[in-house]
Amino acid sequence: MTRDEALAYAQDRYGAEPEYLWEKFPAGFVLRHQSNRKWFAVSMDVRRDRLGLEGDGVVCVMDVKCGALLGGSYLDKPGVIPAWHMNKNQWIGFLLDGTTEDGTVKELLEISYDLTKGK
């Protein structure tokens, strides 16, 4: 799945619009619940070498909340990595460059949305 596809899915499924919060990082955004304003996803462009990936340039990474036990079960899937900028015990990341399968992205977004929706 790509960044644009993930954003379209989040808008259709959750009514979430990206919020670009950082002037220094114009491609970075968060997705929030409309009701409680909690983040359920954060995305940023990261240099490939900082992630231990081959090649030059940057890749779009999205971090989502999933919990330590569940997150570990996804790390063997294509494109899924430890969270880049969030707590690695509670969040997991995935690449939005077409590497991560659509079903995996949708599952992880759903898990994160449910975990952050509150009571």
PDB file of N, CA and C in Angstrom:
ATOM      1  N   MET A   1       0.847  -1.176   0.000  1.00  0.00           N
ATOM      2  CA  MET A   1       0.000   0.000   0.000  1.00  0.00           C
ATOM      3  C   MET A   1       0.895   1.243   0.000  1.00  0.00           C
ATOM      4  N   THR A   2       0.434   2.280  -0.645  1.00  0.00           N
ATOM      5  CA  THR A   2       1.176   3.534  -0.705  1.00  0.00           C
ATOM      6  C   THR A   2       0.589   4.538   0.289  1.00  0.00           C
ATOM      7  N   ARG A   3       1.267   5.654   0.465  1.00  0.00           N
ATOM      8  CA  ARG A   3       0.785   6.717   1.351  1.00  0.00           C
ATOM      9  C   ARG A   3      -0.602   7.194   0.918  1.00  0.00           C
ATOM     10  N   ASP A   4      -0.756   7.476  -0.368  1.00  0.00           N
ATOM     11  CA  ASP A   4      -2.049   7.968  -0.861  1.00  0.00           C
ATOM     12  C   ASP A   4      -3.169   6.955  -0.659  1.00  0.00           C
ATOM     13  N   GLU A   5      -2.868   5.685  -0.880  1.00  0.00           N
ATOM     14  CA  GLU A   5      -3.870   4.640  -0.672  1.00  0.00           C
ATOM     15  C   GLU A   5      -4.240   4.512   0.802  1.00  0.00           C
ATOM     16  N   ALA A   6      -3.247   4.597   1.687  1.00  0.00           N
ATOM     17  CA  ALA A   6      -3.518   4.516   3.124  1.00  0.00           C
ATOM     18  C   ALA A   6      -4.357   5.701   3.587  1.00  0.00           C
ATOM     19  N   LEU A   7      -4.052   6.885   3.084  1.00  0.00           N
ATOM     20  CA  LEU A   7      -4.832   8.071   3.450  1.00  0.00           C
ATOM     21  C   LEU A   7      -6.263   7.961   2.954  1.00  0.00           C
ATOM     22  N   ALA A   8      -6.440   7.478   1.735  1.00  0.00           N
ATOM     23  CA  ALA A   8      -7.792   7.306   1.197  1.00  0.00           C
ATOM     24  C   ALA A   8      -8.568   6.278   2.019  1.00  0.00           C
ATOM     25  N   TYR A   9      -7.916   5.198   2.400  1.00  0.00           N
ATOM     26  CA  TYR A   9      -8.571   4.180   3.218  1.00  0.00           C
ATOM     27  C   TYR A   9      -8.973   4.750   4.579  1.00  0.00           C
ATOM     28  N   ALA A  10      -8.054   5.482   5.238  1.00  0.00           N
ATOM     29  CA  ALA A  10      -8.341   6.055   6.554  1.00  0.00           C
ATOM     30  C   ALA A  10      -9.488   7.059   6.482  1.00  0.00           C
ATOM     31  N   GLN A  11      -9.553   7.801   5.405  1.00  0.00           N
ATOM     32  CA  GLN A  11     -10.642   8.761   5.256  1.00  0.00           C
ATOM     33  C   GLN A  11     -11.970   8.038   5.056  1.00  0.00           C
ATOM     34  N   ASP A  12     -11.974   7.031   4.187  1.00  0.00           N
ATOM     35  CA  ASP A  12     -13.204   6.279   3.924  1.00  0.00           C
ATOM     36  C   ASP A  12     -13.672   5.494   5.151  1.00  0.00           C
ATOM     37  N   ARG A  13     -12.756   4.826   5.810  1.00  0.00           N
ATOM     38  CA  ARG A  13     -13.103   3.922   6.920  1.00  0.00           C
ATOM     39  C   ARG A  13     -13.373   4.669   8.224  1.00  0.00           C
ATOM     40  N   TYR A  14     -12.539   5.677   8.535  1.00  0.00           N
ATOM     41  CA  TYR A  14     -12.603   6.319   9.842  1.00  0.00           C
ATOM     42  C   TYR A  14     -12.965   7.807   9.789  1.00  0.00           C
ATOM     43  N   GLY A  15     -13.081   8.355   8.603  1.00  0.00           N
ATOM     44  CA  GLY A  15     -13.342   9.783   8.476  1.00  0.00           C
ATOM     45  C   GLY A  15     -12.160  10.628   8.911  1.00  0.00           C
ATOM     46  N   ALA A  16     -10.967  10.048   8.890  1.00  0.00           N
ATOM     47  CA  ALA A  16      -9.760  10.719   9.382  1.00  0.00           C
ATOM     48  C   ALA A  16      -9.056  11.458   8.249  1.00  0.00           C
ATOM     49  N   GLU A  17      -8.802  12.716   8.486  1.00  0.00           N
ATOM     50  CA  GLU A  17      -8.041  13.547   7.560  1.00  0.00           C
ATOM     51  C   GLU A  17      -6.635  13.732   8.126  1.00  0.00           C
ATOM     52  N   PRO A  18      -5.614  13.722   7.284  1.00  0.00           N
ATOM     53  CA  PRO A  18      -4.262  13.922   7.803  1.00  0.00           C
ATOM     54  C   PRO A  18      -4.096  15.336   8.356  1.00  0.00           C
ATOM     55  N   GLU A  19      -3.402  15.427   9.469  1.00  0.00           N
ATOM     56  CA  GLU A  19      -3.054  16.720  10.052  1.00  0.00           C
ATOM     57  C   GLU A  19      -1.543  16.870   9.971  1.00  0.00           C
ATOM     58  N   TYR A  20      -1.108  17.892   9.286  1.00  0.00           N
ATOM     59  CA  TYR A  20       0.320  18.162   9.102  1.00  0.00           C
ATOM     60  C   TYR A  20       0.743  19.140  10.193  1.00  0.00           C
ATOM     61  N   LEU A  21       1.427  18.631  11.207  1.00  0.00           N
ATOM     62  CA  LEU A  21       1.703  19.395  12.412  1.00  0.00           C
ATOM     63  C   LEU A  21       3.082  20.041  12.473  1.00  0.00           C
ATOM     64  N   TRP A  22       4.004  19.586  11.637  1.00  0.00           N
ATOM     65  CA  TRP A  22       5.387  20.007  11.797  1.00  0.00           C
ATOM     66  C   TRP A  22       5.895  20.736  10.568  1.00  0.00           C
ATOM     67  N   GLU A  23       6.174  22.013  10.730  1.00  0.00           N
ATOM     68  CA  GLU A  23       6.695  22.818   9.633  1.00  0.00           C
ATOM     69  C   GLU A  23       8.032  22.274   9.142  1.00  0.00           C
ATOM     70  N   LYS A  24       8.846  21.791  10.079  1.00  0.00           N
ATOM     71  CA  LYS A  24      10.163  21.251   9.738  1.00  0.00           C
ATOM     72  C   LYS A  24      10.067  19.942   8.945  1.00  0.00           C
ATOM     73  N   PHE A  25       8.950  19.225   9.092  1.00  0.00           N
ATOM     74  CA  PHE A  25       8.735  17.943   8.419  1.00  0.00           C
ATOM     75  C   PHE A  25       7.409  18.003   7.652  1.00  0.00           C
ATOM     76  N   PRO A  26       7.375  18.665   6.512  1.00  0.00           N
ATOM     77  CA  PRO A  26       6.108  18.922   5.824  1.00  0.00           C
ATOM     78  C   PRO A  26       5.371  17.676   5.332  1.00  0.00           C
ATOM     79  N   ALA A  27       6.066  16.562   5.149  1.00  0.00           N
ATOM     80  CA  ALA A  27       5.391  15.343   4.697  1.00  0.00           C
ATOM     81  C   ALA A  27       4.825  14.546   5.863  1.00  0.00           C
ATOM     82  N   GLY A  28       5.221  14.870   7.088  1.00  0.00           N
ATOM     83  CA  GLY A  28       4.753  14.143   8.260  1.00  0.00           C
ATOM     84  C   GLY A  28       3.334  14.530   8.641  1.00  0.00           C
ATOM     85  N   PHE A  29       2.564  13.549   9.067  1.00  0.00           N
ATOM     86  CA  PHE A  29       1.181  13.817   9.467  1.00  0.00           C
ATOM     87  C   PHE A  29       0.729  12.836  10.532  1.00  0.00           C
ATOM     88  N   VAL A  30      -0.367  13.177  11.181  1.00  0.00           N
ATOM     89  CA  VAL A  30      -1.016  12.275  12.129  1.00  0.00           C
ATOM     90  C   VAL A  30      -2.447  12.042  11.674  1.00  0.00           C
ATOM     91  N   LEU A  31      -3.001  10.913  12.083  1.00  0.00           N
ATOM     92  CA  LEU A  31      -4.418  10.619  11.915  1.00  0.00           C
ATOM     93  C   LEU A  31      -5.002  10.501  13.313  1.00  0.00           C
ATOM     94  N   ARG A  32      -6.103  11.221  13.547  1.00  0.00           N
ATOM     95  CA  ARG A  32      -6.710  11.267  14.873  1.00  0.00           C
ATOM     96  C   ARG A  32      -8.152  10.786  14.837  1.00  0.00           C
ATOM     97  N   HIS A  33      -8.601  10.348  16.010  1.00  0.00           N
ATOM     98  CA  HIS A  33     -10.026  10.111  16.209  1.00  0.00           C
ATOM     99  C   HIS A  33     -10.738  11.452  16.177  1.00  0.00           C
ATOM    100  N   GLN A  34     -11.906  11.488  15.594  1.00  0.00           N
ATOM    101  CA  GLN A  34     -12.680  12.716  15.583  1.00  0.00           C
ATOM    102  C   GLN A  34     -13.239  13.030  16.972  1.00  0.00           C
ATOM    103  N   SER A  35     -13.542  11.992  17.750  1.00  0.00           N
ATOM    104  CA  SER A  35     -14.195  12.205  19.047  1.00  0.00           C
ATOM    105  C   SER A  35     -13.229  12.630  20.149  1.00  0.00           C
ATOM    106  N   ASN A  36     -12.115  11.926  20.309  1.00  0.00           N
ATOM    107  CA  ASN A  36     -11.221  12.216  21.431  1.00  0.00           C
ATOM    108  C   ASN A  36      -9.892  12.854  21.021  1.00  0.00           C
ATOM    109  N   ARG A  37      -9.678  13.018  19.730  1.00  0.00           N
ATOM    110  CA  ARG A  37      -8.489  13.667  19.170  1.00  0.00           C
ATOM    111  C   ARG A  37      -7.193  12.883  19.404  1.00  0.00           C
ATOM    112  N   LYS A  38      -7.286  11.644  19.870  1.00  0.00           N
ATOM    113  CA  LYS A  38      -6.083  10.826  20.063  1.00  0.00           C
ATOM    114  C   LYS A  38      -5.545  10.366  18.715  1.00  0.00           C
ATOM    115  N   TRP A  39      -4.229  10.321  18.641  1.00  0.00           N
ATOM    116  CA  TRP A  39      -3.581   9.808  17.438  1.00  0.00           C
ATOM    117  C   TRP A  39      -3.785   8.299  17.357  1.00  0.00           C
ATOM    118  N   PHE A  40      -4.120   7.815  16.164  1.00  0.00           N
ATOM    119  CA  PHE A  40      -4.074   6.372  15.955  1.00  0.00           C
ATOM    120  C   PHE A  40      -3.044   6.010  14.895  1.00  0.00           C
ATOM    121  N   ALA A  41      -2.476   7.017  14.238  1.00  0.00           N
ATOM    122  CA  ALA A  41      -1.386   6.785  13.286  1.00  0.00           C
ATOM    123  C   ALA A  41      -0.568   8.058  13.158  1.00  0.00           C
ATOM    124  N   VAL A  42       0.717   7.866  12.954  1.00  0.00           N
ATOM    125  CA  VAL A  42       1.623   8.982  12.672  1.00  0.00           C
ATOM    126  C   VAL A  42       2.535   8.534  11.533  1.00  0.00           C
ATOM    127  N   SER A  43       2.760   9.422  10.594  1.00  0.00           N
ATOM    128  CA  SER A  43       3.550   9.060   9.426  1.00  0.00           C
ATOM    129  C   SER A  43       4.616  10.112   9.164  1.00  0.00           C
ATOM    130  N   MET A  44       5.757   9.660   8.666  1.00  0.00           N
ATOM    131  CA  MET A  44       6.855  10.544   8.338  1.00  0.00           C
ATOM    132  C   MET A  44       7.738   9.914   7.282  1.00  0.00           C
ATOM    133  N   ASP A  45       8.469  10.745   6.586  1.00  0.00           N
ATOM    134  CA  ASP A  45       9.474  10.264   5.654  1.00  0.00           C
ATOM    135  C   ASP A  45      10.783  10.097   6.412  1.00  0.00           C
ATOM    136  N   VAL A  46      11.422   8.935   6.237  1.00  0.00           N
ATOM    137  CA  VAL A  46      12.651   8.604   6.955  1.00  0.00           C
ATOM    138  C   VAL A  46      13.674   8.114   5.936  1.00  0.00           C
ATOM    139  N   ARG A  47      14.912   8.525   6.131  1.00  0.00           N
ATOM    140  CA  ARG A  47      15.977   8.027   5.247  1.00  0.00           C
ATOM    141  C   ARG A  47      16.082   6.511   5.379  1.00  0.00           C
ATOM    142  N   ARG A  48      16.202   5.858   4.260  1.00  0.00           N
ATOM    143  CA  ARG A  48      16.250   4.399   4.229  1.00  0.00           C
ATOM    144  C   ARG A  48      17.382   3.843   5.094  1.00  0.00           C
ATOM    145  N   ASP A  49      18.541   4.480   5.061  1.00  0.00           N
ATOM    146  CA  ASP A  49      19.675   3.969   5.825  1.00  0.00           C
ATOM    147  C   ASP A  49      19.426   4.055   7.338  1.00  0.00           C
ATOM    148  N   ARG A  50      18.611   4.997   7.792  1.00  0.00           N
ATOM    149  CA  ARG A  50      18.308   5.112   9.226  1.00  0.00           C
ATOM    150  C   ARG A  50      17.420   3.966   9.694  1.00  0.00           C
ATOM    151  N   LEU A  51      16.730   3.332   8.753  1.00  0.00           N
ATOM    152  CA  LEU A  51      15.882   2.183   9.072  1.00  0.00           C
ATOM    153  C   LEU A  51      16.593   0.854   8.841  1.00  0.00           C
ATOM    154  N   GLY A  52      17.851   0.931   8.378  1.00  0.00           N
ATOM    155  CA  GLY A  52      18.587  -0.284   8.068  1.00  0.00           C
ATOM    156  C   GLY A  52      18.183  -0.895   6.741  1.00  0.00           C
ATOM    157  N   LEU A  53      17.560  -0.084   5.867  1.00  0.00           N
ATOM    158  CA  LEU A  53      17.122  -0.563   4.555  1.00  0.00           C
ATOM    159  C   LEU A  53      18.158  -0.227   3.498  1.00  0.00           C
ATOM    160  N   GLU A  54      18.239  -1.050   2.499  1.00  0.00           N
ATOM    161  CA  GLU A  54      19.152  -0.797   1.395  1.00  0.00           C
ATOM    162  C   GLU A  54      18.624   0.313   0.510  1.00  0.00           C
ATOM    163  N   GLY A  55      19.527   0.948  -0.196  1.00  0.00           N
ATOM    164  CA  GLY A  55      19.144   1.981  -1.140  1.00  0.00           C
ATOM    165  C   GLY A  55      19.262   3.375  -0.558  1.00  0.00           C
ATOM    166  N   ASP A  56      19.158   4.337  -1.450  1.00  0.00           N
ATOM    167  CA  ASP A  56      19.243   5.745  -1.077  1.00  0.00           C
ATOM    168  C   ASP A  56      17.852   6.346  -0.984  1.00  0.00           C
ATOM    169  N   GLY A  57      17.809   7.549  -0.457  1.00  0.00           N
ATOM    170  CA  GLY A  57      16.556   8.286  -0.423  1.00  0.00           C
ATOM    171  C   GLY A  57      15.751   8.017   0.832  1.00  0.00           C
ATOM    172  N   VAL A  58      14.493   8.416   0.773  1.00  0.00           N
ATOM    173  CA  VAL A  58      13.602   8.301   1.925  1.00  0.00           C
ATOM    174  C   VAL A  58      12.438   7.368   1.594  1.00  0.00           C
ATOM    175  N   VAL A  59      11.797   6.900   2.644  1.00  0.00           N
ATOM    176  CA  VAL A  59      10.617   6.058   2.516  1.00  0.00           C
ATOM    177  C   VAL A  59       9.586   6.568   3.517  1.00  0.00           C
ATOM    178  N   CYS A  60       8.337   6.498   3.149  1.00  0.00           N
ATOM    179  CA  CYS A  60       7.254   6.891   4.051  1.00  0.00           C
ATOM    180  C   CYS A  60       6.980   5.739   5.014  1.00  0.00           C
ATOM    181  N   VAL A  61       7.017   6.067   6.314  1.00  0.00           N
ATOM    182  CA  VAL A  61       6.759   5.089   7.372  1.00  0.00           C
ATOM    183  C   VAL A  61       5.525   5.543   8.141  1.00  0.00           C
ATOM    184  N   MET A  62       4.657   4.613   8.472  1.00  0.00           N
ATOM    185  CA  MET A  62       3.514   4.914   9.325  1.00  0.00           C
ATOM    186  C   MET A  62       3.621   4.061  10.580  1.00  0.00           C
ATOM    187  N   ASP A  63       3.510   4.706  11.743  1.00  0.00           N
ATOM    188  CA  ASP A  63       3.490   4.003  13.020  1.00  0.00           C
ATOM    189  C   ASP A  63       2.052   3.959  13.533  1.00  0.00           C
ATOM    190  N   VAL A  64       1.675   2.817  14.088  1.00  0.00           N
ATOM    191  CA  VAL A  64       0.343   2.621  14.657  1.00  0.00           C
ATOM    192  C   VAL A  64       0.484   1.905  15.998  1.00  0.00           C
ATOM    193  N   LYS A  65      -0.460   2.146  16.890  1.00  0.00           N
ATOM    194  CA  LYS A  65      -0.445   1.495  18.193  1.00  0.00           C
ATOM    195  C   LYS A  65      -0.961   0.068  18.056  1.00  0.00           C
ATOM    196  N   CYS A  66      -0.280  -0.885  18.732  1.00  0.00           N
ATOM    197  CA  CYS A  66      -0.763  -2.257  18.633  1.00  0.00           C
ATOM    198  C   CYS A  66      -0.488  -3.077  19.883  1.00  0.00           C
ATOM    199  N   GLY A  67       0.334  -2.617  20.791  1.00  0.00           N
ATOM    200  CA  GLY A  67       0.669  -3.403  21.964  1.00  0.00           C
ATOM    201  C   GLY A  67       1.839  -4.328  21.684  1.00  0.00           C
ATOM    202  N   ALA A  68       2.590  -4.639  22.706  1.00  0.00           N
ATOM    203  CA  ALA A  68       3.832  -5.396  22.562  1.00  0.00           C
ATOM    204  C   ALA A  68       3.630  -6.805  22.020  1.00  0.00           C
ATOM    205  N   LEU A  69       2.695  -7.539  22.571  1.00  0.00           N
ATOM    206  CA  LEU A  69       2.512  -8.926  22.157  1.00  0.00           C
ATOM    207  C   LEU A  69       2.026  -9.039  20.717  1.00  0.00           C
ATOM    208  N   LEU A  70       1.047  -8.269  20.373  1.00  0.00           N
ATOM    209  CA  LEU A  70       0.495  -8.330  19.029  1.00  0.00           C
ATOM    210  C   LEU A  70       1.479  -7.794  17.995  1.00  0.00           C
ATOM    211  N   GLY A  71       2.172  -6.732  18.340  1.00  0.00           N
ATOM    212  CA  GLY A  71       3.113  -6.127  17.405  1.00  0.00           C
ATOM    213  C   GLY A  71       4.191  -7.093  16.942  1.00  0.00           C
ATOM    214  N   GLY A  72       4.693  -7.887  17.858  1.00  0.00           N
ATOM    215  CA  GLY A  72       5.733  -8.848  17.515  1.00  0.00           C
ATOM    216  C   GLY A  72       5.291  -9.862  16.482  1.00  0.00           C
ATOM    217  N   SER A  73       4.018 -10.186  16.459  1.00  0.00           N
ATOM    218  CA  SER A  73       3.528 -11.186  15.509  1.00  0.00           C
ATOM    219  C   SER A  73       3.472 -10.636  14.079  1.00  0.00           C
ATOM    220  N   TYR A  74       3.572  -9.333  13.919  1.00  0.00           N
ATOM    221  CA  TYR A  74       3.542  -8.738  12.579  1.00  0.00           C
ATOM    222  C   TYR A  74       4.929  -8.479  12.004  1.00  0.00           C
ATOM    223  N   LEU A  75       5.970  -8.565  12.821  1.00  0.00           N
ATOM    224  CA  LEU A  75       7.306  -8.173  12.364  1.00  0.00           C
ATOM    225  C   LEU A  75       7.882  -9.072  11.282  1.00  0.00           C
ATOM    226  N   ASP A  76       7.302 -10.238  11.067  1.00  0.00           N
ATOM    227  CA  ASP A  76       7.804 -11.101  10.005  1.00  0.00           C
ATOM    228  C   ASP A  76       7.098 -10.854   8.667  1.00  0.00           C
ATOM    229  N   LYS A  77       6.162  -9.921   8.646  1.00  0.00           N
ATOM    230  CA  LYS A  77       5.428  -9.609   7.412  1.00  0.00           C
ATOM    231  C   LYS A  77       6.209  -8.589   6.581  1.00  0.00           C
ATOM    232  N   PRO A  78       6.095  -8.665   5.254  1.00  0.00           N
ATOM    233  CA  PRO A  78       6.816  -7.723   4.390  1.00  0.00           C
ATOM    234  C   PRO A  78       6.449  -6.271   4.704  1.00  0.00           C
ATOM    235  N   GLY A  79       7.476  -5.442   4.870  1.00  0.00           N
ATOM    236  CA  GLY A  79       7.277  -4.016   5.064  1.00  0.00           C
ATOM    237  C   GLY A  79       6.992  -3.587   6.491  1.00  0.00           C
ATOM    238  N   VAL A  80       6.845  -4.523   7.420  1.00  0.00           N
ATOM    239  CA  VAL A  80       6.555  -4.181   8.813  1.00  0.00           C
ATOM    240  C   VAL A  80       7.873  -4.103   9.582  1.00  0.00           C
ATOM    241  N   ILE A  81       8.019  -3.026  10.347  1.00  0.00           N
ATOM    242  CA  ILE A  81       9.260  -2.749  11.059  1.00  0.00           C
ATOM    243  C   ILE A  81       8.935  -2.283  12.484  1.00  0.00           C
ATOM    244  N   PRO A  82       9.935  -2.293  13.391  1.00  0.00           N
ATOM    245  CA  PRO A  82       9.696  -1.675  14.693  1.00  0.00           C
ATOM    246  C   PRO A  82       9.336  -0.202  14.500  1.00  0.00           C
ATOM    247  N   ALA A  83       8.537   0.331  15.384  1.00  0.00           N
ATOM    248  CA  ALA A  83       8.127   1.731  15.275  1.00  0.00           C
ATOM    249  C   ALA A  83       9.354   2.628  15.138  1.00  0.00           C
ATOM    250  N   TRP A  84       9.221   3.641  14.308  1.00  0.00           N
ATOM    251  CA  TRP A  84      10.352   4.523  14.088  1.00  0.00           C
ATOM    252  C   TRP A  84      10.470   5.572  15.185  1.00  0.00           C
ATOM    253  N   HIS A  85       9.441   6.297  15.467  1.00  0.00           N
ATOM    254  CA  HIS A  85       9.580   7.440  16.363  1.00  0.00           C
ATOM    255  C   HIS A  85       8.693   7.340  17.598  1.00  0.00           C
ATOM    256  N   MET A  86       8.010   6.233  17.766  1.00  0.00           N
ATOM    257  CA  MET A  86       7.105   6.067  18.902  1.00  0.00           C
ATOM    258  C   MET A  86       7.641   4.946  19.807  1.00  0.00           C
ATOM    259  N   ASN A  87       6.994   4.734  20.926  1.00  0.00           N
ATOM    260  CA  ASN A  87       7.367   3.701  21.877  1.00  0.00           C
ATOM    261  C   ASN A  87       7.311   2.333  21.191  1.00  0.00           C
ATOM    262  N   LYS A  88       8.446   1.673  21.089  1.00  0.00           N
ATOM    263  CA  LYS A  88       8.525   0.406  20.370  1.00  0.00           C
ATOM    264  C   LYS A  88       7.813  -0.743  21.088  1.00  0.00           C
ATOM    265  N   ASN A  89       7.453  -0.547  22.359  1.00  0.00           N
ATOM    266  CA  ASN A  89       6.689  -1.568  23.077  1.00  0.00           C
ATOM    267  C   ASN A  89       5.210  -1.504  22.754  1.00  0.00           C
ATOM    268  N   GLN A  90       4.721  -0.346  22.366  1.00  0.00           N
ATOM    269  CA  GLN A  90       3.292  -0.170  22.135  1.00  0.00           C
ATOM    270  C   GLN A  90       2.928   0.142  20.686  1.00  0.00           C
ATOM    271  N   TRP A  91       3.917   0.513  19.885  1.00  0.00           N
ATOM    272  CA  TRP A  91       3.662   0.921  18.503  1.00  0.00           C
ATOM    273  C   TRP A  91       4.506   0.079  17.558  1.00  0.00           C
ATOM    274  N   ILE A  92       4.030  -0.042  16.322  1.00  0.00           N
ATOM    275  CA  ILE A  92       4.752  -0.761  15.271  1.00  0.00           C
ATOM    276  C   ILE A  92       4.678   0.092  14.007  1.00  0.00           C
ATOM    277  N   GLY A  93       5.629  -0.096  13.123  1.00  0.00           N
ATOM    278  CA  GLY A  93       5.652   0.690  11.894  1.00  0.00           C
ATOM    279  C   GLY A  93       5.529  -0.177  10.661  1.00  0.00           C
ATOM    280  N   PHE A  94       5.192   0.475   9.562  1.00  0.00           N
ATOM    281  CA  PHE A  94       5.194  -0.219   8.281  1.00  0.00           C
ATOM    282  C   PHE A  94       5.504   0.782   7.184  1.00  0.00           C
ATOM    283  N   LEU A  95       6.047   0.268   6.102  1.00  0.00           N
ATOM    284  CA  LEU A  95       6.442   1.092   4.973  1.00  0.00           C
ATOM    285  C   LEU A  95       5.251   1.335   4.058  1.00  0.00           C
ATOM    286  N   LEU A  96       5.129   2.576   3.612  1.00  0.00           N
ATOM    287  CA  LEU A  96       4.058   2.924   2.671  1.00  0.00           C
ATOM    288  C   LEU A  96       4.664   3.221   1.303  1.00  0.00           C
ATOM    289  N   ASP A  97       5.387   2.238   0.804  1.00  0.00           N
ATOM    290  CA  ASP A  97       6.021   2.351  -0.513  1.00  0.00           C
ATOM    291  C   ASP A  97       5.595   1.219  -1.438  1.00  0.00           C
ATOM    292  N   GLY A  98       4.517   0.537  -1.059  1.00  0.00           N
ATOM    293  CA  GLY A  98       4.042  -0.602  -1.840  1.00  0.00           C
ATOM    294  C   GLY A  98       4.543  -1.930  -1.309  1.00  0.00           C
ATOM    295  N   THR A  99       5.460  -1.913  -0.330  1.00  0.00           N
ATOM    296  CA  THR A  99       6.022  -3.143   0.233  1.00  0.00           C
ATOM    297  C   THR A  99       5.039  -3.861   1.145  1.00  0.00           C
ATOM    298  N   THR A 100       4.346  -3.097   1.977  1.00  0.00           N
ATOM    299  CA  THR A 100       3.427  -3.693   2.954  1.00  0.00           C
ATOM    300  C   THR A 100       2.107  -4.040   2.280  1.00  0.00           C
ATOM    301  N   GLU A 101       1.649  -5.258   2.502  1.00  0.00           N
ATOM    302  CA  GLU A 101       0.410  -5.717   1.872  1.00  0.00           C
ATOM    303  C   GLU A 101      -0.785  -4.912   2.373  1.00  0.00           C
ATOM    304  N   ASP A 102      -1.731  -4.675   1.492  1.00  0.00           N
ATOM    305  CA  ASP A 102      -2.922  -3.892   1.828  1.00  0.00           C
ATOM    306  C   ASP A 102      -3.638  -4.446   3.057  1.00  0.00           C
ATOM    307  N   GLY A 103      -3.802  -5.755   3.121  1.00  0.00           N
ATOM    308  CA  GLY A 103      -4.503  -6.372   4.243  1.00  0.00           C
ATOM    309  C   GLY A 103      -3.799  -6.120   5.568  1.00  0.00           C
ATOM    310  N   THR A 104      -2.476  -6.144   5.558  1.00  0.00           N
ATOM    311  CA  THR A 104      -1.704  -5.886   6.773  1.00  0.00           C
ATOM    312  C   THR A 104      -1.903  -4.452   7.234  1.00  0.00           C
ATOM    313  N   VAL A 105      -1.847  -3.497   6.303  1.00  0.00           N
ATOM    314  CA  VAL A 105      -2.058  -2.088   6.644  1.00  0.00           C
ATOM    315  C   VAL A 105      -3.447  -1.893   7.240  1.00  0.00           C
ATOM    316  N   LYS A 106      -4.446  -2.467   6.621  1.00  0.00           N
ATOM    317  CA  LYS A 106      -5.824  -2.323   7.106  1.00  0.00           C
ATOM    318  C   LYS A 106      -5.996  -2.939   8.493  1.00  0.00           C
ATOM    319  N   GLU A 107      -5.417  -4.118   8.704  1.00  0.00           N
ATOM    320  CA  GLU A 107      -5.499  -4.765  10.024  1.00  0.00           C
ATOM    321  C   GLU A 107      -4.846  -3.907  11.097  1.00  0.00           C
ATOM    322  N   LEU A 108      -3.646  -3.401  10.808  1.00  0.00           N
ATOM    323  CA  LEU A 108      -2.916  -2.618  11.801  1.00  0.00           C
ATOM    324  C   LEU A 108      -3.602  -1.283  12.080  1.00  0.00           C
ATOM    325  N   LEU A 109      -4.163  -0.655  11.070  1.00  0.00           N
ATOM    326  CA  LEU A 109      -4.919   0.575  11.298  1.00  0.00           C
ATOM    327  C   LEU A 109      -6.150   0.298  12.162  1.00  0.00           C
ATOM    328  N   GLU A 110      -6.821  -0.798  11.915  1.00  0.00           N
ATOM    329  CA  GLU A 110      -8.011  -1.166  12.694  1.00  0.00           C
ATOM    330  C   GLU A 110      -7.653  -1.414  14.157  1.00  0.00           C
ATOM    331  N   ILE A 111      -6.571  -2.146  14.384  1.00  0.00           N
ATOM    332  CA  ILE A 111      -6.118  -2.422  15.748  1.00  0.00           C
ATOM    333  C   ILE A 111      -5.806  -1.112  16.466  1.00  0.00           C
ATOM    334  N   SER A 112      -5.052  -0.253  15.811  1.00  0.00           N
ATOM    335  CA  SER A 112      -4.673   1.016  16.418  1.00  0.00           C
ATOM    336  C   SER A 112      -5.888   1.891  16.695  1.00  0.00           C
ATOM    337  N   TYR A 113      -6.790   1.949  15.742  1.00  0.00           N
ATOM    338  CA  TYR A 113      -7.999   2.748  15.920  1.00  0.00           C
ATOM    339  C   TYR A 113      -8.783   2.260  17.139  1.00  0.00           C
ATOM    340  N   ASP A 114      -8.930   0.945  17.264  1.00  0.00           N
ATOM    341  CA  ASP A 114      -9.659   0.377  18.400  1.00  0.00           C
ATOM    342  C   ASP A 114      -8.954   0.626  19.732  1.00  0.00           C
ATOM    343  N   LEU A 115      -7.629   0.511  19.742  1.00  0.00           N
ATOM    344  CA  LEU A 115      -6.874   0.702  20.981  1.00  0.00           C
ATOM    345  C   LEU A 115      -6.868   2.145  21.461  1.00  0.00           C
ATOM    346  N   THR A 116      -7.074   3.086  20.569  1.00  0.00           N
ATOM    347  CA  THR A 116      -6.975   4.501  20.935  1.00  0.00           C
ATOM    348  C   THR A 116      -8.322   5.206  21.004  1.00  0.00           C
ATOM    349  N   LYS A 117      -9.408   4.483  20.795  1.00  0.00           N
ATOM    350  CA  LYS A 117     -10.710   5.153  20.745  1.00  0.00           C
ATOM    351  C   LYS A 117     -11.253   5.531  22.118  1.00  0.00           C
ATOM    352  N   GLY A 118     -10.695   5.002  23.174  1.00  0.00           N
ATOM    353  CA  GLY A 118     -11.183   5.345  24.517  1.00  0.00           C
ATOM    354  C   GLY A 118     -12.413   4.541  24.880  1.00  0.00           C
ATOM    355  N   LYS A 119     -13.043   4.980  25.960  1.00  0.00           N
ATOM    356  CA  LYS A 119     -14.193   4.227  26.488  1.00  0.00           C
ATOM    357  C   LYS A 119     -15.471   4.626  25.793  1.00  0.00           C
TER     358      LYS A 119
END
